[in-house]
Each structure stands twice: as structure tokens, then as C-alpha cells.
Amino acid sequence: KEAQASTLGFLLSLAIPTVVTALLLPAVFRFGVGKTRLLYMALILGVTAGFSSGKTFSQWITGVAAALNRLSPAVLALGGVVLLAMLMAGSIVLSIAIVQKKDY
């Protein structure tokens, strides 16, 4: 169980930057780097506020972790990789669509 928890923590630490990149990549092409930097700071502030908001967020995270613990590590890793790949692919497709519509 302890090895599975550390593996899950490692995978989550790899997944968080990927998710943030996928969320903000289209914004870079749409709004430019300066305004996207403000969105990034707002995202950091929101996550920080969520983690420090008290019991409700902590209970939600604990519930998600308990649900994920019931899955086998292979299914969890494969599902995570597939979800991240789909998120990045959608982000890239959206970014390409935004770039093609812009007049430079």
C-alpha cells in the first residue's frame, strides 16, 4: 500500500504540470503571454486557496484518493496516461484552431 501511494504521488506530481500546460496553452495563443501570465497566477492562487480552505476540500481529496486506491496500479496508470494524452491533444487542436483564425 505504501509503495502504491508513493507511485500515485509521483504520477500526480508529473500530471499537474501537464494539466496546467494543457489548460493554458490555448490561452497563450488567444490572449498573448502577458494576459496568460495573469491567468496562471490566478490559477495558482485558486489552487492555493482551495488547499487552504479547510475541511471540505481536504475531505474531497481524501475521498478521491480512497476511490483511486481501489483501482489496480496498472489500470490507474493507464487511465491517467490516456486522460492526460486526450487533454493535451484537445489543447493542441484548440491552439492550432486559434492560431489559424488570428490575423497577424
PDB file of N, CA and C in Angstrom:
ATOM      1  N   LYS A   1       0.826  -1.207   0.000  1.00  0.00           N
ATOM      2  CA  LYS A   1       0.000   0.000   0.000  1.00  0.00           C
ATOM      3  C   LYS A   1       0.865   1.263   0.000  1.00  0.00           C
ATOM      4  N   GLU A   2       1.949   1.248   0.759  1.00  0.00           N
ATOM      5  CA  GLU A   2       2.787   2.433   0.850  1.00  0.00           C
ATOM      6  C   GLU A   2       3.496   2.700  -0.481  1.00  0.00           C
ATOM      7  N   ALA A   3       3.921   1.616  -1.149  1.00  0.00           N
ATOM      8  CA  ALA A   3       4.569   1.780  -2.461  1.00  0.00           C
ATOM      9  C   ALA A   3       3.572   2.302  -3.484  1.00  0.00           C
ATOM     10  N   GLN A   4       2.331   1.822  -3.396  1.00  0.00           N
ATOM     11  CA  GLN A   4       1.301   2.293  -4.316  1.00  0.00           C
ATOM     12  C   GLN A   4       0.996   3.767  -4.085  1.00  0.00           C
ATOM     13  N   ALA A   5       0.984   4.187  -2.827  1.00  0.00           N
ATOM     14  CA  ALA A   5       0.718   5.590  -2.516  1.00  0.00           C
ATOM     15  C   ALA A   5       1.849   6.479  -3.019  1.00  0.00           C
ATOM     16  N   SER A   6       3.102   6.025  -2.877  1.00  0.00           N
ATOM     17  CA  SER A   6       4.210   6.840  -3.367  1.00  0.00           C
ATOM     18  C   SER A   6       4.225   6.889  -4.887  1.00  0.00           C
ATOM     19  N   THR A   7       3.838   5.802  -5.540  1.00  0.00           N
ATOM     20  CA  THR A   7       3.740   5.800  -7.006  1.00  0.00           C
ATOM     21  C   THR A   7       2.642   6.741  -7.457  1.00  0.00           C
ATOM     22  N   LEU A   8       1.518   6.720  -6.776  1.00  0.00           N
ATOM     23  CA  LEU A   8       0.421   7.623  -7.097  1.00  0.00           C
ATOM     24  C   LEU A   8       0.847   9.075  -6.909  1.00  0.00           C
ATOM     25  N   GLY A   9       1.558   9.351  -5.835  1.00  0.00           N
ATOM     26  CA  GLY A   9       2.056  10.708  -5.607  1.00  0.00           C
ATOM     27  C   GLY A   9       3.014  11.150  -6.697  1.00  0.00           C
ATOM     28  N   PHE A  10       3.875  10.246  -7.132  1.00  0.00           N
ATOM     29  CA  PHE A  10       4.817  10.565  -8.210  1.00  0.00           C
ATOM     30  C   PHE A  10       4.079  10.849  -9.510  1.00  0.00           C
ATOM     31  N   LEU A  11       3.108  10.013  -9.836  1.00  0.00           N
ATOM     32  CA  LEU A  11       2.341  10.220 -11.069  1.00  0.00           C
ATOM     33  C   LEU A  11       1.557  11.530 -11.012  1.00  0.00           C
ATOM     34  N   LEU A  12       1.004  11.862  -9.860  1.00  0.00           N
ATOM     35  CA  LEU A  12       0.285  13.129  -9.723  1.00  0.00           C
ATOM     36  C   LEU A  12       1.226  14.317  -9.869  1.00  0.00           C
ATOM     37  N   SER A  13       2.450  14.179  -9.355  1.00  0.00           N
ATOM     38  CA  SER A  13       3.398  15.286  -9.498  1.00  0.00           C
ATOM     39  C   SER A  13       3.812  15.480 -10.947  1.00  0.00           C
ATOM     40  N   LEU A  14       3.755  14.445 -11.743  1.00  0.00           N
ATOM     41  CA  LEU A  14       4.010  14.586 -13.177  1.00  0.00           C
ATOM     42  C   LEU A  14       2.780  15.097 -13.922  1.00  0.00           C
ATOM     43  N   ALA A  15       1.611  14.763 -13.433  1.00  0.00           N
ATOM     44  CA  ALA A  15       0.380  15.113 -14.130  1.00  0.00           C
ATOM     45  C   ALA A  15      -0.004  16.580 -13.948  1.00  0.00           C
ATOM     46  N   ILE A  16       0.297  17.159 -12.815  1.00  0.00           N
ATOM     47  CA  ILE A  16      -0.140  18.532 -12.535  1.00  0.00           C
ATOM     48  C   ILE A  16       0.433  19.534 -13.538  1.00  0.00           C
ATOM     49  N   PRO A  17       1.743  19.526 -13.836  1.00  0.00           N
ATOM     50  CA  PRO A  17       2.239  20.473 -14.845  1.00  0.00           C
ATOM     51  C   PRO A  17       1.648  20.224 -16.234  1.00  0.00           C
ATOM     52  N   THR A  18       1.378  18.972 -16.541  1.00  0.00           N
ATOM     53  CA  THR A  18       0.780  18.647 -17.836  1.00  0.00           C
ATOM     54  C   THR A  18      -0.617  19.235 -17.940  1.00  0.00           C
ATOM     55  N   VAL A  19      -1.399  19.115 -16.894  1.00  0.00           N
ATOM     56  CA  VAL A  19      -2.755  19.668 -16.891  1.00  0.00           C
ATOM     57  C   VAL A  19      -2.721  21.189 -16.986  1.00  0.00           C
ATOM     58  N   VAL A  20      -1.823  21.818 -16.224  1.00  0.00           N
ATOM     59  CA  VAL A  20      -1.721  23.282 -16.266  1.00  0.00           C
ATOM     60  C   VAL A  20      -1.314  23.749 -17.657  1.00  0.00           C
ATOM     61  N   THR A  21      -0.360  23.054 -18.263  1.00  0.00           N
ATOM     62  CA  THR A  21       0.063  23.397 -19.627  1.00  0.00           C
ATOM     63  C   THR A  21      -1.090  23.237 -20.611  1.00  0.00           C
ATOM     64  N   ALA A  22      -1.820  22.154 -20.499  1.00  0.00           N
ATOM     65  CA  ALA A  22      -2.933  21.923 -21.408  1.00  0.00           C
ATOM     66  C   ALA A  22      -4.024  22.972 -21.245  1.00  0.00           C
ATOM     67  N   LEU A  23      -4.245  23.439 -20.025  1.00  0.00           N
ATOM     68  CA  LEU A  23      -5.264  24.457 -19.804  1.00  0.00           C
ATOM     69  C   LEU A  23      -4.831  25.829 -20.315  1.00  0.00           C
ATOM     70  N   LEU A  24      -3.550  26.141 -20.197  1.00  0.00           N
ATOM     71  CA  LEU A  24      -3.098  27.489 -20.516  1.00  0.00           C
ATOM     72  C   LEU A  24      -2.532  27.644 -21.919  1.00  0.00           C
ATOM     73  N   LEU A  25      -2.214  26.555 -22.609  1.00  0.00           N
ATOM     74  CA  LEU A  25      -1.655  26.661 -23.953  1.00  0.00           C
ATOM     75  C   LEU A  25      -2.575  27.403 -24.921  1.00  0.00           C
ATOM     76  N   PRO A  26      -3.856  27.069 -24.998  1.00  0.00           N
ATOM     77  CA  PRO A  26      -4.726  27.841 -25.888  1.00  0.00           C
ATOM     78  C   PRO A  26      -4.829  29.313 -25.496  1.00  0.00           C
ATOM     79  N   ALA A  27      -4.773  29.592 -24.192  1.00  0.00           N
ATOM     80  CA  ALA A  27      -4.855  30.982 -23.740  1.00  0.00           C
ATOM     81  C   ALA A  27      -3.653  31.793 -24.200  1.00  0.00           C
ATOM     82  N   VAL A  28      -2.486  31.168 -24.280  1.00  0.00           N
ATOM     83  CA  VAL A  28      -1.295  31.868 -24.754  1.00  0.00           C
ATOM     84  C   VAL A  28      -1.510  32.340 -26.185  1.00  0.00           C
ATOM     85  N   PHE A  29      -2.056  31.479 -27.014  1.00  0.00           N
ATOM     86  CA  PHE A  29      -2.286  31.840 -28.411  1.00  0.00           C
ATOM     87  C   PHE A  29      -3.446  32.812 -28.576  1.00  0.00           C
ATOM     88  N   ARG A  30      -4.398  32.758 -27.674  1.00  0.00           N
ATOM     89  CA  ARG A  30      -5.571  33.635 -27.789  1.00  0.00           C
ATOM     90  C   ARG A  30      -5.307  35.028 -27.222  1.00  0.00           C
ATOM     91  N   PHE A  31      -4.707  35.085 -26.027  1.00  0.00           N
ATOM     92  CA  PHE A  31      -4.566  36.359 -25.324  1.00  0.00           C
ATOM     93  C   PHE A  31      -3.152  36.904 -25.292  1.00  0.00           C
ATOM     94  N   GLY A  32      -2.172  36.105 -25.640  1.00  0.00           N
ATOM     95  CA  GLY A  32      -0.783  36.534 -25.552  1.00  0.00           C
ATOM     96  C   GLY A  32      -0.174  36.114 -24.223  1.00  0.00           C
ATOM     97  N   VAL A  33       1.128  36.282 -24.131  1.00  0.00           N
ATOM     98  CA  VAL A  33       1.853  35.803 -22.951  1.00  0.00           C
ATOM     99  C   VAL A  33       1.534  36.621 -21.707  1.00  0.00           C
ATOM    100  N   GLY A  34       1.406  37.929 -21.843  1.00  0.00           N
ATOM    101  CA  GLY A  34       1.185  38.793 -20.682  1.00  0.00           C
ATOM    102  C   GLY A  34      -0.117  38.488 -19.966  1.00  0.00           C
ATOM    103  N   LYS A  35      -1.212  38.418 -20.697  1.00  0.00           N
ATOM    104  CA  LYS A  35      -2.504  38.146 -20.064  1.00  0.00           C
ATOM    105  C   LYS A  35      -2.581  36.710 -19.567  1.00  0.00           C
ATOM    106  N   THR A  36      -1.925  35.801 -20.259  1.00  0.00           N
ATOM    107  CA  THR A  36      -1.932  34.414 -19.811  1.00  0.00           C
ATOM    108  C   THR A  36      -1.149  34.266 -18.515  1.00  0.00           C
ATOM    109  N   ARG A  37      -0.129  35.086 -18.341  1.00  0.00           N
ATOM    110  CA  ARG A  37       0.615  35.065 -17.077  1.00  0.00           C
ATOM    111  C   ARG A  37      -0.320  35.422 -15.923  1.00  0.00           C
ATOM    112  N   LEU A  38      -1.231  36.353 -16.154  1.00  0.00           N
ATOM    113  CA  LEU A  38      -2.218  36.695 -15.119  1.00  0.00           C
ATOM    114  C   LEU A  38      -3.154  35.515 -14.845  1.00  0.00           C
ATOM    115  N   LEU A  39      -3.555  34.806 -15.898  1.00  0.00           N
ATOM    116  CA  LEU A  39      -4.387  33.618 -15.711  1.00  0.00           C
ATOM    117  C   LEU A  39      -3.646  32.547 -14.911  1.00  0.00           C
ATOM    118  N   TYR A  40      -2.360  32.407 -15.200  1.00  0.00           N
ATOM    119  CA  TYR A  40      -1.544  31.425 -14.486  1.00  0.00           C
ATOM    120  C   TYR A  40      -1.452  31.780 -13.004  1.00  0.00           C
ATOM    121  N   MET A  41      -1.250  33.052 -12.715  1.00  0.00           N
ATOM    122  CA  MET A  41      -1.190  33.478 -11.311  1.00  0.00           C
ATOM    123  C   MET A  41      -2.541  33.269 -10.625  1.00  0.00           C
ATOM    124  N   ALA A  42      -3.637  33.522 -11.345  1.00  0.00           N
ATOM    125  CA  ALA A  42      -4.967  33.287 -10.776  1.00  0.00           C
ATOM    126  C   ALA A  42      -5.181  31.795 -10.514  1.00  0.00           C
ATOM    127  N   LEU A  43      -4.678  30.952 -11.413  1.00  0.00           N
ATOM    128  CA  LEU A  43      -4.791  29.506 -11.225  1.00  0.00           C
ATOM    129  C   LEU A  43      -4.023  29.068  -9.986  1.00  0.00           C
ATOM    130  N   ILE A  44      -2.817  29.591  -9.805  1.00  0.00           N
ATOM    131  CA  ILE A  44      -2.021  29.264  -8.618  1.00  0.00           C
ATOM    132  C   ILE A  44      -2.742  29.735  -7.356  1.00  0.00           C
ATOM    133  N   LEU A  45      -3.275  30.958  -7.389  1.00  0.00           N
ATOM    134  CA  LEU A  45      -4.000  31.487  -6.239  1.00  0.00           C
ATOM    135  C   LEU A  45      -5.231  30.636  -5.935  1.00  0.00           C
ATOM    136  N   GLY A  46      -5.956  30.224  -6.973  1.00  0.00           N
ATOM    137  CA  GLY A  46      -7.137  29.390  -6.771  1.00  0.00           C
ATOM    138  C   GLY A  46      -6.814  28.040  -6.161  1.00  0.00           C
ATOM    139  N   VAL A  47      -5.751  27.409  -6.641  1.00  0.00           N
ATOM    140  CA  VAL A  47      -5.356  26.109  -6.095  1.00  0.00           C
ATOM    141  C   VAL A  47      -4.888  26.267  -4.650  1.00  0.00           C
ATOM    142  N   THR A  48      -4.115  27.318  -4.403  1.00  0.00           N
ATOM    143  CA  THR A  48      -3.642  27.560  -3.037  1.00  0.00           C
ATOM    144  C   THR A  48      -4.817  27.825  -2.097  1.00  0.00           C
ATOM    145  N   ALA A  49      -5.760  28.630  -2.534  1.00  0.00           N
ATOM    146  CA  ALA A  49      -6.944  28.908  -1.714  1.00  0.00           C
ATOM    147  C   ALA A  49      -7.757  27.638  -1.497  1.00  0.00           C
ATOM    148  N   GLY A  50      -7.844  26.799  -2.524  1.00  0.00           N
ATOM    149  CA  GLY A  50      -8.579  25.541  -2.381  1.00  0.00           C
ATOM    150  C   GLY A  50      -7.946  24.616  -1.369  1.00  0.00           C
ATOM    151  N   PHE A  51      -6.613  24.524  -1.399  1.00  0.00           N
ATOM    152  CA  PHE A  51      -5.927  23.650  -0.451  1.00  0.00           C
ATOM    153  C   PHE A  51      -5.996  24.178   0.973  1.00  0.00           C
ATOM    154  N   SER A  52      -6.092  25.483   1.131  1.00  0.00           N
ATOM    155  CA  SER A  52      -6.113  26.040   2.485  1.00  0.00           C
ATOM    156  C   SER A  52      -7.528  26.353   2.960  1.00  0.00           C
ATOM    157  N   SER A  53      -8.540  25.980   2.179  1.00  0.00           N
ATOM    158  CA  SER A  53      -9.908  26.368   2.523  1.00  0.00           C
ATOM    159  C   SER A  53     -10.506  25.555   3.663  1.00  0.00           C
ATOM    160  N   GLY A  54      -9.872  24.501   4.063  1.00  0.00           N
ATOM    161  CA  GLY A  54     -10.379  23.777   5.218  1.00  0.00           C
ATOM    162  C   GLY A  54     -10.834  22.379   4.899  1.00  0.00           C
ATOM    163  N   LYS A  55     -11.834  21.941   5.652  1.00  0.00           N
ATOM    164  CA  LYS A  55     -12.235  20.541   5.631  1.00  0.00           C
ATOM    165  C   LYS A  55     -12.849  20.081   4.319  1.00  0.00           C
ATOM    166  N   THR A  56     -13.647  20.905   3.688  1.00  0.00           N
ATOM    167  CA  THR A  56     -14.394  20.407   2.527  1.00  0.00           C
ATOM    168  C   THR A  56     -13.465  19.973   1.401  1.00  0.00           C
ATOM    169  N   PHE A  57     -12.469  20.790   1.084  1.00  0.00           N
ATOM    170  CA  PHE A  57     -11.542  20.428   0.017  1.00  0.00           C
ATOM    171  C   PHE A  57     -10.702  19.229   0.436  1.00  0.00           C
ATOM    172  N   SER A  58     -10.291  19.215   1.702  1.00  0.00           N
ATOM    173  CA  SER A  58      -9.494  18.104   2.219  1.00  0.00           C
ATOM    174  C   SER A  58     -10.295  16.804   2.185  1.00  0.00           C
ATOM    175  N   GLN A  59     -11.564  16.872   2.544  1.00  0.00           N
ATOM    176  CA  GLN A  59     -12.417  15.684   2.508  1.00  0.00           C
ATOM    177  C   GLN A  59     -12.629  15.203   1.078  1.00  0.00           C
ATOM    178  N   TRP A  60     -12.748  16.138   0.149  1.00  0.00           N
ATOM    179  CA  TRP A  60     -12.920  15.771  -1.255  1.00  0.00           C
ATOM    180  C   TRP A  60     -11.671  15.048  -1.762  1.00  0.00           C
ATOM    181  N   ILE A  61     -10.495  15.586  -1.454  1.00  0.00           N
ATOM    182  CA  ILE A  61      -9.240  14.968  -1.870  1.00  0.00           C
ATOM    183  C   ILE A  61      -9.096  13.580  -1.246  1.00  0.00           C
ATOM    184  N   THR A  62      -9.454  13.451   0.030  1.00  0.00           N
ATOM    185  CA  THR A  62      -9.369  12.160   0.705  1.00  0.00           C
ATOM    186  C   THR A  62     -10.315  11.151   0.060  1.00  0.00           C
ATOM    187  N   GLY A  63     -11.508  11.587  -0.300  1.00  0.00           N
ATOM    188  CA  GLY A  63     -12.459  10.699  -0.969  1.00  0.00           C
ATOM    189  C   GLY A  63     -11.977  10.251  -2.330  1.00  0.00           C
ATOM    190  N   VAL A  64     -11.391  11.175  -3.082  1.00  0.00           N
ATOM    191  CA  VAL A  64     -10.848  10.815  -4.398  1.00  0.00           C
ATOM    192  C   VAL A  64      -9.696   9.837  -4.242  1.00  0.00           C
ATOM    193  N   ALA A  65      -8.823  10.087  -3.284  1.00  0.00           N
ATOM    194  CA  ALA A  65      -7.688   9.190  -3.047  1.00  0.00           C
ATOM    195  C   ALA A  65      -8.166   7.796  -2.640  1.00  0.00           C
ATOM    196  N   ALA A  66      -9.204   7.729  -1.821  1.00  0.00           N
ATOM    197  CA  ALA A  66      -9.745   6.429  -1.400  1.00  0.00           C
ATOM    198  C   ALA A  66     -10.351   5.691  -2.588  1.00  0.00           C
ATOM    199  N   ALA A  67     -11.034   6.416  -3.456  1.00  0.00           N
ATOM    200  CA  ALA A  67     -11.611   5.777  -4.641  1.00  0.00           C
ATOM    201  C   ALA A  67     -10.518   5.287  -5.586  1.00  0.00           C
ATOM    202  N   LEU A  68      -9.470   6.074  -5.741  1.00  0.00           N
ATOM    203  CA  LEU A  68      -8.373   5.673  -6.623  1.00  0.00           C
ATOM    204  C   LEU A  68      -7.575   4.518  -6.043  1.00  0.00           C
ATOM    205  N   ASN A  69      -7.543   4.398  -4.723  1.00  0.00           N
ATOM    206  CA  ASN A  69      -6.823   3.296  -4.080  1.00  0.00           C
ATOM    207  C   ASN A  69      -7.451   1.951  -4.379  1.00  0.00           C
ATOM    208  N   ARG A  70      -8.720   1.933  -4.720  1.00  0.00           N
ATOM    209  CA  ARG A  70      -9.403   0.670  -5.011  1.00  0.00           C
ATOM    210  C   ARG A  70      -9.002   0.106  -6.372  1.00  0.00           C
ATOM    211  N   LEU A  71      -8.474   0.961  -7.239  1.00  0.00           N
ATOM    212  CA  LEU A  71      -8.064   0.513  -8.567  1.00  0.00           C
ATOM    213  C   LEU A  71      -6.671  -0.098  -8.514  1.00  0.00           C
ATOM    214  N   SER A  72      -6.421  -0.985  -9.454  1.00  0.00           N
ATOM    215  CA  SER A  72      -5.071  -1.549  -9.522  1.00  0.00           C
ATOM    216  C   SER A  72      -4.117  -0.494 -10.073  1.00  0.00           C
ATOM    217  N   PRO A  73      -2.851  -0.564  -9.711  1.00  0.00           N
ATOM    218  CA  PRO A  73      -1.892   0.437 -10.187  1.00  0.00           C
ATOM    219  C   PRO A  73      -1.788   0.497 -11.715  1.00  0.00           C
ATOM    220  N   ALA A  74      -1.900  -0.646 -12.372  1.00  0.00           N
ATOM    221  CA  ALA A  74      -1.794  -0.667 -13.836  1.00  0.00           C
ATOM    222  C   ALA A  74      -2.972   0.065 -14.472  1.00  0.00           C
ATOM    223  N   VAL A  75      -4.173  -0.178 -13.974  1.00  0.00           N
ATOM    224  CA  VAL A  75      -5.361   0.493 -14.505  1.00  0.00           C
ATOM    225  C   VAL A  75      -5.287   1.984 -14.218  1.00  0.00           C
ATOM    226  N   LEU A  76      -4.832   2.333 -13.048  1.00  0.00           N
ATOM    227  CA  LEU A  76      -4.703   3.733 -12.666  1.00  0.00           C
ATOM    228  C   LEU A  76      -3.694   4.458 -13.559  1.00  0.00           C
ATOM    229  N   ALA A  77      -2.544   3.839 -13.779  1.00  0.00           N
ATOM    230  CA  ALA A  77      -1.510   4.455 -14.620  1.00  0.00           C
ATOM    231  C   ALA A  77      -1.983   4.573 -16.057  1.00  0.00           C
ATOM    232  N   LEU A  78      -2.573   3.509 -16.592  1.00  0.00           N
ATOM    233  CA  LEU A  78      -3.050   3.539 -17.975  1.00  0.00           C
ATOM    234  C   LEU A  78      -4.158   4.568 -18.152  1.00  0.00           C
ATOM    235  N   GLY A  79      -5.097   4.609 -17.228  1.00  0.00           N
ATOM    236  CA  GLY A  79      -6.168   5.597 -17.305  1.00  0.00           C
ATOM    237  C   GLY A  79      -5.642   7.016 -17.210  1.00  0.00           C
ATOM    238  N   GLY A  80      -4.676   7.237 -16.330  1.00  0.00           N
ATOM    239  CA  GLY A  80      -4.083   8.561 -16.203  1.00  0.00           C
ATOM    240  C   GLY A  80      -3.362   8.999 -17.464  1.00  0.00           C
ATOM    241  N   VAL A  81      -2.608   8.082 -18.047  1.00  0.00           N
ATOM    242  CA  VAL A  81      -1.888   8.406 -19.283  1.00  0.00           C
ATOM    243  C   VAL A  81      -2.865   8.712 -20.410  1.00  0.00           C
ATOM    244  N   VAL A  82      -3.919   7.929 -20.520  1.00  0.00           N
ATOM    245  CA  VAL A  82      -4.918   8.155 -21.576  1.00  0.00           C
ATOM    246  C   VAL A  82      -5.619   9.496 -21.371  1.00  0.00           C
ATOM    247  N   LEU A  83      -6.010   9.802 -20.139  1.00  0.00           N
ATOM    248  CA  LEU A  83      -6.683  11.081 -19.868  1.00  0.00           C
ATOM    249  C   LEU A  83      -5.777  12.270 -20.151  1.00  0.00           C
ATOM    250  N   LEU A  84      -4.522  12.178 -19.729  1.00  0.00           N
ATOM    251  CA  LEU A  84      -3.584  13.270 -19.990  1.00  0.00           C
ATOM    252  C   LEU A  84      -3.318  13.430 -21.479  1.00  0.00           C
ATOM    253  N   ALA A  85      -3.188  12.324 -22.192  1.00  0.00           N
ATOM    254  CA  ALA A  85      -2.966  12.402 -23.647  1.00  0.00           C
ATOM    255  C   ALA A  85      -4.167  13.030 -24.348  1.00  0.00           C
ATOM    256  N   MET A  86      -5.377  12.673 -23.922  1.00  0.00           N
ATOM    257  CA  MET A  86      -6.572  13.268 -24.517  1.00  0.00           C
ATOM    258  C   MET A  86      -6.645  14.762 -24.213  1.00  0.00           C
ATOM    259  N   LEU A  87      -6.317  15.148 -22.995  1.00  0.00           N
ATOM    260  CA  LEU A  87      -6.332  16.561 -22.609  1.00  0.00           C
ATOM    261  C   LEU A  87      -5.315  17.351 -23.419  1.00  0.00           C
ATOM    262  N   MET A  88      -4.103  16.834 -23.561  1.00  0.00           N
ATOM    263  CA  MET A  88      -3.078  17.531 -24.337  1.00  0.00           C
ATOM    264  C   MET A  88      -3.453  17.597 -25.811  1.00  0.00           C
ATOM    265  N   ALA A  89      -3.994  16.519 -26.353  1.00  0.00           N
ATOM    266  CA  ALA A  89      -4.402  16.524 -27.758  1.00  0.00           C
ATOM    267  C   ALA A  89      -5.493  17.566 -28.000  1.00  0.00           C
ATOM    268  N   GLY A  90      -6.464  17.638 -27.110  1.00  0.00           N
ATOM    269  CA  GLY A  90      -7.509  18.654 -27.237  1.00  0.00           C
ATOM    270  C   GLY A  90      -6.949  20.059 -27.139  1.00  0.00           C
ATOM    271  N   SER A  91      -6.007  20.252 -26.247  1.00  0.00           N
ATOM    272  CA  SER A  91      -5.375  21.562 -26.093  1.00  0.00           C
ATOM    273  C   SER A  91      -4.612  21.959 -27.348  1.00  0.00           C
ATOM    274  N   ILE A  92      -3.890  21.026 -27.924  1.00  0.00           N
ATOM    275  CA  ILE A  92      -3.120  21.309 -29.139  1.00  0.00           C
ATOM    276  C   ILE A  92      -4.048  21.614 -30.309  1.00  0.00           C
ATOM    277  N   VAL A  93      -5.106  20.832 -30.462  1.00  0.00           N
ATOM    278  CA  VAL A  93      -6.068  21.074 -31.548  1.00  0.00           C
ATOM    279  C   VAL A  93      -6.718  22.445 -31.383  1.00  0.00           C
ATOM    280  N   LEU A  94      -7.110  22.798 -30.175  1.00  0.00           N
ATOM    281  CA  LEU A  94      -7.708  24.107 -29.917  1.00  0.00           C
ATOM    282  C   LEU A  94      -6.708  25.228 -30.187  1.00  0.00           C
ATOM    283  N   SER A  95      -5.462  25.038 -29.790  1.00  0.00           N
ATOM    284  CA  SER A  95      -4.423  26.048 -30.041  1.00  0.00           C
ATOM    285  C   SER A  95      -4.195  26.255 -31.530  1.00  0.00           C
ATOM    286  N   ILE A  96      -4.167  25.180 -32.291  1.00  0.00           N
ATOM    287  CA  ILE A  96      -3.983  25.283 -33.749  1.00  0.00           C
ATOM    288  C   ILE A  96      -5.158  26.027 -34.371  1.00  0.00           C
ATOM    289  N   ALA A  97      -6.372  25.737 -33.914  1.00  0.00           N
ATOM    290  CA  ALA A  97      -7.544  26.437 -34.437  1.00  0.00           C
ATOM    291  C   ALA A  97      -7.482  27.928 -34.128  1.00  0.00           C
ATOM    292  N   ILE A  98      -7.017  28.279 -32.950  1.00  0.00           N
ATOM    293  CA  ILE A  98      -6.907  29.694 -32.577  1.00  0.00           C
ATOM    294  C   ILE A  98      -5.864  30.389 -33.430  1.00  0.00           C
ATOM    295  N   VAL A  99      -4.715  29.744 -33.626  1.00  0.00           N
ATOM    296  CA  VAL A  99      -3.639  30.342 -34.421  1.00  0.00           C
ATOM    297  C   VAL A  99      -4.082  30.552 -35.868  1.00  0.00           C
ATOM    298  N   GLN A 100      -4.826  29.624 -36.416  1.00  0.00           N
ATOM    299  CA  GLN A 100      -5.267  29.745 -37.819  1.00  0.00           C
ATOM    300  C   GLN A 100      -6.290  30.868 -37.996  1.00  0.00           C
ATOM    301  N   LYS A 101      -7.035  31.224 -36.962  1.00  0.00           N
ATOM    302  CA  LYS A 101      -8.038  32.282 -37.056  1.00  0.00           C
ATOM    303  C   LYS A 101      -7.456  33.669 -36.839  1.00  0.00           C
ATOM    304  N   LYS A 102      -6.271  33.766 -36.247  1.00  0.00           N
ATOM    305  CA  LYS A 102      -5.710  35.071 -35.909  1.00  0.00           C
ATOM    306  C   LYS A 102      -5.159  35.770 -37.140  1.00  0.00           C
ATOM    307  N   ASP A 103      -5.310  37.073 -37.142  1.00  0.00           N
ATOM    308  CA  ASP A 103      -4.681  37.915 -38.167  1.00  0.00           C
ATOM    309  C   ASP A 103      -3.471  38.572 -37.530  1.00  0.00           C
ATOM    310  N   TYR A 104      -2.317  38.298 -38.102  1.00  0.00           N
ATOM    311  CA  TYR A 104      -1.091  38.877 -37.530  1.00  0.00           C
ATOM    312  C   TYR A 104      -0.676  40.102 -38.310  1.00  0.00           C
TER     313      TYR A 104
END
